[in-house]
Amino acid sequence: MTLPDEAAVRAALSTVIDPELRRPIDELGMLAGVEVDGGTVTARVLLTISGCPLRGTIDTDVRRALRAVPGVREVVVDLDVMTPEQRQALRDRLRPERGIPFSRPESLTKVYAVASGKGGVGKSSVTVNLACELASQGLRVGIVDADVHGFSVPALLGITQAPTQVDDMILPPVAQGVKVISIGMFVTGNQPVAWRGPMLHRALEQFLTDVYFGDLDVLFLDLPPGTGDIAISVSQLLPNAQLLIVTTPQAAAADVAERAGSVSSQTGQSVAGVVENMSGMTLPDGTVLEVFGSGGGQRVAERLSETLGSSVPLLGRVPLDVGLREGGDSGVPIVLRDPRSPSAVALKAVAAQLASAPRGLAGRSLGVSPR
């Protein structure tokens, strides 16, 4: 009878990924020991905190990995908890420096601040669909729900889990492969958040410094409508963030959307492009009903190009689609729920353009020196 080899057992355990930190448990110091006794394998795994909400997931994943090793007949998983010293070592390993990692010169994370001039244009729906589409392509994606007063991202992604706090480090919940943080995860029920400027700035700063997102390819910030405190704070905390302007075709919405983009001339940010949401709706007979008019997105793109002196593209027109609303209500965005629908196709095309946009390397260290 084949007996399991300890090297094979450890190799199998190295494939177990912590569901919150998204890194192998052995790399995180969570694998405290392995014992092979004939066909029985015992793995001792250290959880970050005693009330870890995903301990069941970790237990299941460890058992699944070990049962795949030839010769293993029985698996014992001993779940324990890290000591304060072990948690400190974990924090030092994950976050060796304080501050906002996405604002550092060496950061290669693309940061998109999704903005609109007014509310009700579907900015949050666009944000979560773009994030989920990029995550489905294998990119590491995060969302900061910066709309403190009107947070909606957790509901749009079906998130009910609270963040895990490891001392002063916050681990964001993961939904559809996207790491998400929102003030809505810290309030009870539908309680309103009535904060003014300094508190809004501090909340955003804490999301960017205390929340461990890890190495991201793309970070989205879902901004509140307008050009108020949060928009100004983002320009200060993340000066490299590009604005992504969302509007509807309606002239009134386009006018205020232009203002949201024009603020970049004062903050020094660039505008990645414009997305026109709630565009024409295709009826069963094939005709297109333009409920909110037409051309608003193109007008915003042209006006911003003229105002800013640089090309601002219209990245796409997302048609008015009942399925888009249904996806948000169910917590499964339409790019995943019905990827062939007209609105999903349009959103996937926008995501493809964002994914293919080159990362600027100006001012960043390449890690080489002349000889």
Protein backbone atom coordinates (compact mmCIF):
# COMPACT_ATOMS: atom_id res chain seq x y z
CA MET A 1 0.00 0.00 0.00
CA THR A 2 1.30 3.44 -0.96
CA LEU A 3 2.00 5.69 2.02
CA PRO A 4 1.85 9.49 1.72
CA ASP A 5 5.13 11.33 1.42
CA GLU A 6 5.57 14.36 3.70
CA ALA A 7 7.01 16.41 0.86
CA ALA A 8 3.93 15.67 -1.22
CA VAL A 9 1.70 16.56 1.74
CA ARG A 10 3.42 19.92 2.21
CA ALA A 11 3.28 20.59 -1.51
CA ALA A 12 -0.48 19.97 -1.43
CA LEU A 13 -0.92 22.31 1.53
CA SER A 14 1.01 25.03 -0.30
CA THR A 15 -1.90 25.18 -2.76
CA VAL A 16 -4.40 26.09 -0.03
CA ILE A 17 -5.16 29.81 -0.31
CA ASP A 18 -6.43 31.87 2.61
CA PRO A 19 -9.85 33.12 1.41
CA GLU A 20 -9.33 36.62 2.82
CA LEU A 21 -5.63 37.27 2.32
CA ARG A 22 -5.55 35.40 -1.01
CA ARG A 23 -2.12 33.94 -0.37
CA PRO A 24 -0.98 30.38 0.47
CA ILE A 25 -1.38 29.48 4.12
CA ASP A 26 2.19 28.21 4.41
CA GLU A 27 3.50 31.51 3.06
CA LEU A 28 1.46 33.38 5.68
CA GLY A 29 2.83 31.35 8.59
CA MET A 30 -0.58 29.74 9.16
CA LEU A 31 0.72 26.18 8.74
CA ALA A 32 2.08 25.36 12.18
CA GLY A 33 2.88 21.71 11.60
CA VAL A 34 2.31 18.53 9.61
CA GLU A 35 2.37 14.97 10.92
CA VAL A 36 2.22 11.86 8.73
CA ASP A 37 1.39 8.63 10.55
CA GLY A 38 0.84 5.83 8.06
CA GLY A 39 -2.16 6.87 5.99
CA THR A 40 -3.27 9.52 8.48
CA VAL A 41 -2.18 13.11 7.99
CA THR A 42 -2.63 15.77 10.66
CA ALA A 43 -2.29 19.42 9.73
CA ARG A 44 -2.17 22.14 12.38
CA VAL A 45 -3.42 25.44 10.97
CA LEU A 46 -3.33 28.77 12.79
CA LEU A 47 -6.25 31.15 12.24
CA THR A 48 -5.59 34.87 12.44
CA ILE A 49 -8.31 35.38 15.06
CA SER A 50 -10.45 33.04 17.16
CA GLY A 51 -13.69 34.20 15.54
CA CYS A 52 -12.43 33.84 11.98
CA PRO A 53 -15.64 33.84 9.85
CA LEU A 54 -14.08 31.61 7.19
CA ARG A 55 -12.64 28.89 9.42
CA GLY A 56 -15.02 26.40 7.82
CA THR A 57 -13.76 27.29 4.35
CA ILE A 58 -10.14 26.87 5.43
CA ASP A 59 -10.91 23.51 7.06
CA THR A 60 -12.66 22.28 3.91
CA ASP A 61 -9.89 23.47 1.59
CA VAL A 62 -7.17 21.82 3.69
CA ARG A 63 -9.04 18.52 3.75
CA ARG A 64 -9.67 18.63 0.01
CA ALA A 65 -6.00 19.29 -0.74
CA LEU A 66 -4.76 16.49 1.51
CA ARG A 67 -7.23 13.90 0.28
CA ALA A 68 -5.82 14.38 -3.21
CA VAL A 69 -2.37 13.17 -2.04
CA PRO A 70 -1.75 9.49 -2.94
CA GLY A 71 -1.86 7.22 0.11
CA VAL A 72 -3.80 9.56 2.39
CA ARG A 73 -6.70 7.66 3.99
CA GLU A 74 -7.61 9.97 6.87
CA VAL A 75 -7.19 13.70 7.42
CA VAL A 76 -7.17 15.51 10.75
CA VAL A 77 -7.26 19.31 10.75
CA ASP A 78 -6.31 20.94 14.03
CA LEU A 79 -7.40 24.59 13.95
CA ASP A 80 -5.68 26.86 16.46
CA VAL A 81 -5.24 30.62 16.79
CA MET A 82 -2.15 32.78 16.27
CA THR A 83 -0.48 34.31 19.28
CA PRO A 84 -0.15 38.13 19.40
CA GLU A 85 3.50 37.74 18.36
CA GLN A 86 2.55 35.59 15.37
CA ARG A 87 -0.12 38.10 14.31
CA GLN A 88 2.44 40.89 14.56
CA ALA A 89 4.83 38.90 12.37
CA LEU A 90 2.01 38.37 9.87
CA ARG A 91 1.21 42.09 9.78
CA ASP A 92 4.89 42.95 9.32
CA ARG A 93 5.10 40.44 6.46
CA LEU A 94 1.99 41.75 4.72
CA ARG A 95 2.43 45.44 5.39
CA PRO A 96 6.06 46.28 6.08
CA GLU A 97 5.39 50.01 5.65
CA ARG A 98 2.56 52.21 6.80
CA GLY A 99 0.82 54.58 4.45
CA ILE A 100 -1.22 54.20 1.28
CA PRO A 101 0.43 51.55 -0.92
CA PHE A 102 -1.39 52.69 -4.07
CA SER A 103 0.09 56.19 -3.89
CA ARG A 104 3.70 55.04 -3.75
CA PRO A 105 5.84 55.73 -6.83
CA GLU A 106 6.58 52.02 -7.30
CA SER A 107 2.91 50.98 -7.28
CA LEU A 108 1.72 49.43 -10.55
CA THR A 109 -1.93 49.31 -9.54
CA LYS A 110 -4.28 51.09 -11.93
CA VAL A 111 -6.57 53.28 -9.85
CA TYR A 112 -9.91 54.38 -11.31
CA ALA A 113 -12.11 56.84 -9.42
CA VAL A 114 -15.60 56.36 -10.85
CA ALA A 115 -17.40 59.71 -10.74
CA SER A 116 -20.61 61.34 -11.88
CA GLY A 117 -22.06 64.80 -11.75
CA LYS A 118 -25.35 63.69 -10.27
CA GLY A 119 -26.83 60.66 -8.57
CA GLY A 120 -29.02 58.05 -10.19
CA VAL A 121 -26.93 57.48 -13.31
CA GLY A 122 -25.90 53.93 -12.34
CA LYS A 123 -22.34 54.75 -11.33
CA SER A 124 -22.15 52.01 -8.69
CA SER A 125 -23.64 49.40 -11.04
CA VAL A 126 -21.03 50.29 -13.65
CA THR A 127 -18.28 50.07 -11.02
CA VAL A 128 -19.16 46.59 -9.73
CA ASN A 129 -19.71 45.17 -13.22
CA LEU A 130 -16.36 46.46 -14.47
CA ALA A 131 -14.63 45.11 -11.37
CA CYS A 132 -16.24 41.67 -11.68
CA GLU A 133 -15.45 41.45 -15.38
CA LEU A 134 -11.77 42.23 -14.79
CA ALA A 135 -11.64 39.76 -11.89
CA SER A 136 -13.16 37.06 -14.11
CA GLN A 137 -10.21 37.59 -16.46
CA GLY A 138 -7.81 36.69 -13.67
CA LEU A 139 -6.87 40.21 -12.57
CA ARG A 140 -6.60 41.10 -8.89
CA VAL A 141 -9.26 43.71 -8.29
CA GLY A 142 -10.49 45.77 -5.34
CA ILE A 143 -13.27 48.27 -4.73
CA VAL A 144 -13.38 51.06 -2.17
CA ASP A 145 -16.98 52.19 -1.73
CA ALA A 146 -16.16 55.85 -1.15
CA ASP A 147 -19.80 56.94 -1.29
CA VAL A 148 -20.05 57.07 2.49
CA HIS A 149 -23.50 58.65 2.60
CA GLY A 150 -24.99 56.57 -0.22
CA PHE A 151 -23.09 53.27 -0.01
CA SER A 152 -24.52 50.51 -2.20
CA VAL A 153 -21.62 48.32 -3.34
CA PRO A 154 -22.07 45.58 -0.68
CA ALA A 155 -25.70 45.06 -1.71
CA LEU A 156 -24.86 45.05 -5.42
CA LEU A 157 -22.35 42.24 -4.76
CA GLY A 158 -24.47 40.36 -2.23
CA ILE A 159 -21.99 40.90 0.59
CA THR A 160 -23.32 40.29 4.10
CA GLN A 161 -20.02 39.30 5.73
CA ALA A 162 -18.28 41.85 7.94
CA PRO A 163 -14.56 42.54 7.46
CA THR A 164 -12.15 40.59 9.63
CA GLN A 165 -9.99 42.75 11.88
CA VAL A 166 -6.53 41.51 12.80
CA ASP A 167 -5.53 44.03 15.46
CA ASP A 168 -5.14 47.28 13.45
CA MET A 169 -5.31 45.61 10.04
CA ILE A 170 -8.66 45.08 8.27
CA LEU A 171 -9.19 42.20 5.84
CA PRO A 172 -11.87 43.07 3.27
CA PRO A 173 -14.57 40.56 2.28
CA VAL A 174 -14.22 38.98 -1.16
CA ALA A 175 -17.18 38.63 -3.53
CA GLN A 176 -17.02 37.36 -7.11
CA GLY A 177 -13.23 37.49 -6.82
CA VAL A 178 -13.27 41.21 -5.87
CA LYS A 179 -12.02 42.56 -2.54
CA VAL A 180 -14.45 45.16 -1.20
CA ILE A 181 -14.55 47.66 1.65
CA SER A 182 -17.47 49.94 2.49
CA ILE A 183 -18.73 51.91 5.44
CA GLY A 184 -21.92 49.91 4.98
CA MET A 185 -20.07 46.92 6.48
CA PHE A 186 -19.72 48.77 9.78
CA VAL A 187 -23.24 50.08 10.33
CA THR A 188 -26.28 48.26 11.67
CA GLY A 189 -29.19 47.65 9.30
CA ASN A 190 -30.01 50.61 7.10
CA GLN A 191 -28.64 53.16 9.53
CA PRO A 192 -27.66 56.46 7.86
CA VAL A 193 -24.15 57.91 8.13
CA ALA A 194 -24.28 61.63 8.92
CA TRP A 195 -20.66 62.79 8.69
CA ARG A 196 -19.05 66.02 7.58
CA GLY A 197 -15.84 66.73 5.68
CA PRO A 198 -13.04 65.84 8.16
CA MET A 199 -14.69 62.55 9.13
CA LEU A 200 -15.27 61.65 5.48
CA HIS A 201 -11.60 62.29 4.71
CA ARG A 202 -10.49 60.21 7.70
CA ALA A 203 -12.76 57.30 6.73
CA LEU A 204 -11.38 57.23 3.19
CA GLU A 205 -7.82 57.50 4.47
CA GLN A 206 -8.41 54.59 6.85
CA PHE A 207 -9.84 52.46 4.04
CA LEU A 208 -6.69 53.07 2.02
CA THR A 209 -4.17 52.58 4.84
CA ASP A 210 -5.65 50.07 7.29
CA VAL A 211 -7.38 47.73 4.84
CA TYR A 212 -5.09 45.04 3.43
CA PHE A 213 -5.88 44.64 -0.27
CA GLY A 214 -2.57 43.02 -1.17
CA ASP A 215 -1.09 43.47 -4.62
CA LEU A 216 -3.89 44.65 -6.91
CA ASP A 217 -3.89 45.06 -10.65
CA VAL A 218 -6.86 47.43 -10.51
CA LEU A 219 -8.51 49.43 -7.73
CA PHE A 220 -11.88 51.10 -8.26
CA LEU A 221 -13.21 53.86 -6.03
CA ASP A 222 -16.95 54.39 -6.24
CA LEU A 223 -17.22 58.12 -5.53
CA PRO A 224 -20.29 60.01 -4.39
CA PRO A 225 -21.84 62.24 -7.09
CA GLY A 226 -20.50 65.74 -7.52
CA THR A 227 -17.21 67.43 -6.71
CA GLY A 228 -17.35 67.59 -2.92
CA ASP A 229 -15.19 66.47 -0.01
CA ILE A 230 -14.53 62.89 -1.12
CA ALA A 231 -13.54 63.86 -4.65
CA ILE A 232 -11.05 66.36 -3.23
CA SER A 233 -9.75 63.81 -0.70
CA VAL A 234 -9.18 61.23 -3.45
CA SER A 235 -7.12 63.73 -5.44
CA GLN A 236 -4.97 64.33 -2.34
CA LEU A 237 -4.62 60.74 -1.16
CA LEU A 238 -4.39 59.12 -4.62
CA PRO A 239 -3.04 61.77 -7.01
CA ASN A 240 -2.34 59.07 -9.60
CA ALA A 241 -6.01 58.00 -9.77
CA GLN A 242 -7.70 58.42 -13.12
CA LEU A 243 -11.29 59.61 -13.30
CA LEU A 244 -13.88 57.46 -15.04
CA ILE A 245 -16.95 59.60 -15.73
CA VAL A 246 -20.42 58.00 -15.85
CA THR A 247 -23.37 59.85 -17.35
CA THR A 248 -26.71 59.14 -18.96
CA PRO A 249 -27.58 60.38 -22.48
CA GLN A 250 -29.76 63.15 -21.02
CA ALA A 251 -28.45 66.68 -21.59
CA ALA A 252 -28.93 67.70 -17.94
CA ALA A 253 -26.92 64.70 -16.73
CA ALA A 254 -24.22 65.33 -19.33
CA ASP A 255 -23.78 68.94 -18.22
CA VAL A 256 -23.13 68.04 -14.59
CA ALA A 257 -20.98 65.05 -15.60
CA GLU A 258 -18.76 67.45 -17.50
CA ARG A 259 -18.20 69.39 -14.29
CA ALA A 260 -17.19 66.19 -12.46
CA GLY A 261 -14.55 65.57 -15.11
CA SER A 262 -13.40 69.17 -15.38
CA VAL A 263 -12.33 69.16 -11.73
CA SER A 264 -9.32 67.16 -12.88
CA SER A 265 -7.88 70.37 -14.35
CA GLN A 266 -7.62 71.65 -10.77
CA THR A 267 -6.47 68.42 -9.12
CA GLY A 268 -3.96 67.37 -11.79
CA GLN A 269 -5.64 64.02 -12.37
CA SER A 270 -6.30 62.56 -15.81
CA VAL A 271 -9.63 61.33 -17.18
CA ALA A 272 -9.57 57.73 -18.42
CA GLY A 273 -12.80 58.13 -20.34
CA VAL A 274 -16.57 58.45 -20.28
CA VAL A 275 -19.20 55.72 -19.97
CA GLU A 276 -22.73 56.46 -21.11
CA ASN A 277 -25.16 54.41 -19.04
CA MET A 278 -28.91 53.92 -19.64
CA SER A 279 -28.49 54.34 -23.39
CA GLY A 280 -31.14 53.20 -25.89
CA MET A 281 -33.28 50.19 -24.90
CA THR A 282 -33.92 47.57 -27.58
CA LEU A 283 -37.58 46.52 -27.68
CA PRO A 284 -38.83 43.03 -28.62
CA ASP A 285 -39.58 44.19 -32.18
CA GLY A 286 -35.99 45.35 -32.64
CA THR A 287 -36.62 49.08 -32.41
CA VAL A 288 -34.56 51.18 -30.01
CA LEU A 289 -36.34 53.36 -27.46
CA GLU A 290 -34.15 56.23 -26.29
CA VAL A 291 -35.77 56.83 -22.92
CA PHE A 292 -33.21 59.40 -21.80
CA GLY A 293 -32.35 60.85 -25.19
CA SER A 294 -29.07 60.29 -26.99
CA GLY A 295 -25.58 61.67 -27.42
CA GLY A 296 -24.88 62.73 -23.83
CA GLY A 297 -21.80 60.56 -23.41
CA GLN A 298 -20.26 61.74 -26.68
CA ARG A 299 -20.88 65.39 -25.74
CA VAL A 300 -19.19 64.92 -22.37
CA ALA A 301 -16.17 63.25 -23.99
CA GLU A 302 -15.82 66.01 -26.60
CA ARG A 303 -16.22 68.85 -24.11
CA LEU A 304 -13.73 67.34 -21.67
CA SER A 305 -11.24 66.77 -24.48
CA GLU A 306 -11.50 70.45 -25.35
CA THR A 307 -11.39 71.68 -21.75
CA LEU A 308 -8.49 69.48 -20.65
CA GLY A 309 -6.52 69.69 -23.88
CA SER A 310 -6.15 65.93 -24.14
CA SER A 311 -8.19 63.17 -25.72
CA VAL A 312 -10.96 61.83 -23.48
CA PRO A 313 -12.59 58.82 -25.17
CA LEU A 314 -16.16 57.64 -24.96
CA LEU A 315 -15.44 54.11 -23.75
CA GLY A 316 -18.90 52.72 -24.34
CA ARG A 317 -22.67 53.06 -24.28
CA VAL A 318 -24.45 50.70 -21.89
CA PRO A 319 -28.04 50.13 -23.00
CA LEU A 320 -30.96 50.36 -20.61
CA ASP A 321 -31.51 46.75 -19.57
CA VAL A 322 -33.83 45.20 -16.99
CA GLY A 323 -31.25 42.46 -16.47
CA LEU A 324 -28.70 45.01 -15.28
CA ARG A 325 -31.04 46.05 -12.48
CA GLU A 326 -31.94 42.44 -11.69
CA GLY A 327 -28.26 41.54 -11.42
CA GLY A 328 -27.72 44.31 -8.87
CA ASP A 329 -30.76 43.26 -6.84
CA SER A 330 -29.61 39.63 -6.75
CA GLY A 331 -26.00 40.45 -5.89
CA VAL A 332 -24.72 38.82 -9.10
CA PRO A 333 -23.68 41.54 -11.62
CA ILE A 334 -24.95 41.07 -15.14
CA VAL A 335 -21.48 40.45 -16.63
CA LEU A 336 -21.54 37.19 -14.63
CA ARG A 337 -25.29 36.53 -14.55
CA ASP A 338 -25.98 37.01 -18.27
CA PRO A 339 -22.70 37.79 -20.08
CA ARG A 340 -24.34 37.74 -23.54
CA SER A 341 -26.94 40.38 -22.75
CA PRO A 342 -26.55 43.76 -24.54
CA SER A 343 -25.60 45.65 -21.38
CA ALA A 344 -23.08 42.97 -20.32
CA VAL A 345 -21.45 43.01 -23.75
CA ALA A 346 -21.10 46.80 -23.57
CA LEU A 347 -19.65 46.68 -20.05
CA LYS A 348 -17.22 43.91 -20.99
CA ALA A 349 -16.00 46.06 -23.89
CA VAL A 350 -15.35 48.97 -21.50
CA ALA A 351 -13.51 46.65 -19.11
CA ALA A 352 -11.34 45.37 -21.97
CA GLN A 353 -10.23 48.92 -22.75
CA LEU A 354 -9.36 49.59 -19.11
CA ALA A 355 -7.44 46.32 -18.88
CA SER A 356 -5.42 47.08 -22.00
CA ALA A 357 -4.55 50.65 -20.97
CA PRO A 358 -0.79 50.79 -20.33
CA ARG A 359 0.54 51.57 -16.90
CA GLY A 360 2.63 54.70 -16.90
CA LEU A 361 6.18 54.14 -15.62
CA ALA A 362 7.22 57.79 -15.43
CA GLY A 363 8.87 58.53 -12.10
CA ARG A 364 8.81 54.89 -10.99
CA SER A 365 11.83 52.90 -10.00
CA LEU A 366 12.54 49.98 -12.32
CA GLY A 367 14.79 48.29 -9.75
CA VAL A 368 17.89 48.57 -11.94
CA SER A 369 20.95 50.79 -11.78
CA PRO A 370 23.53 51.71 -14.46
CA ARG A 371 26.94 50.06 -14.36
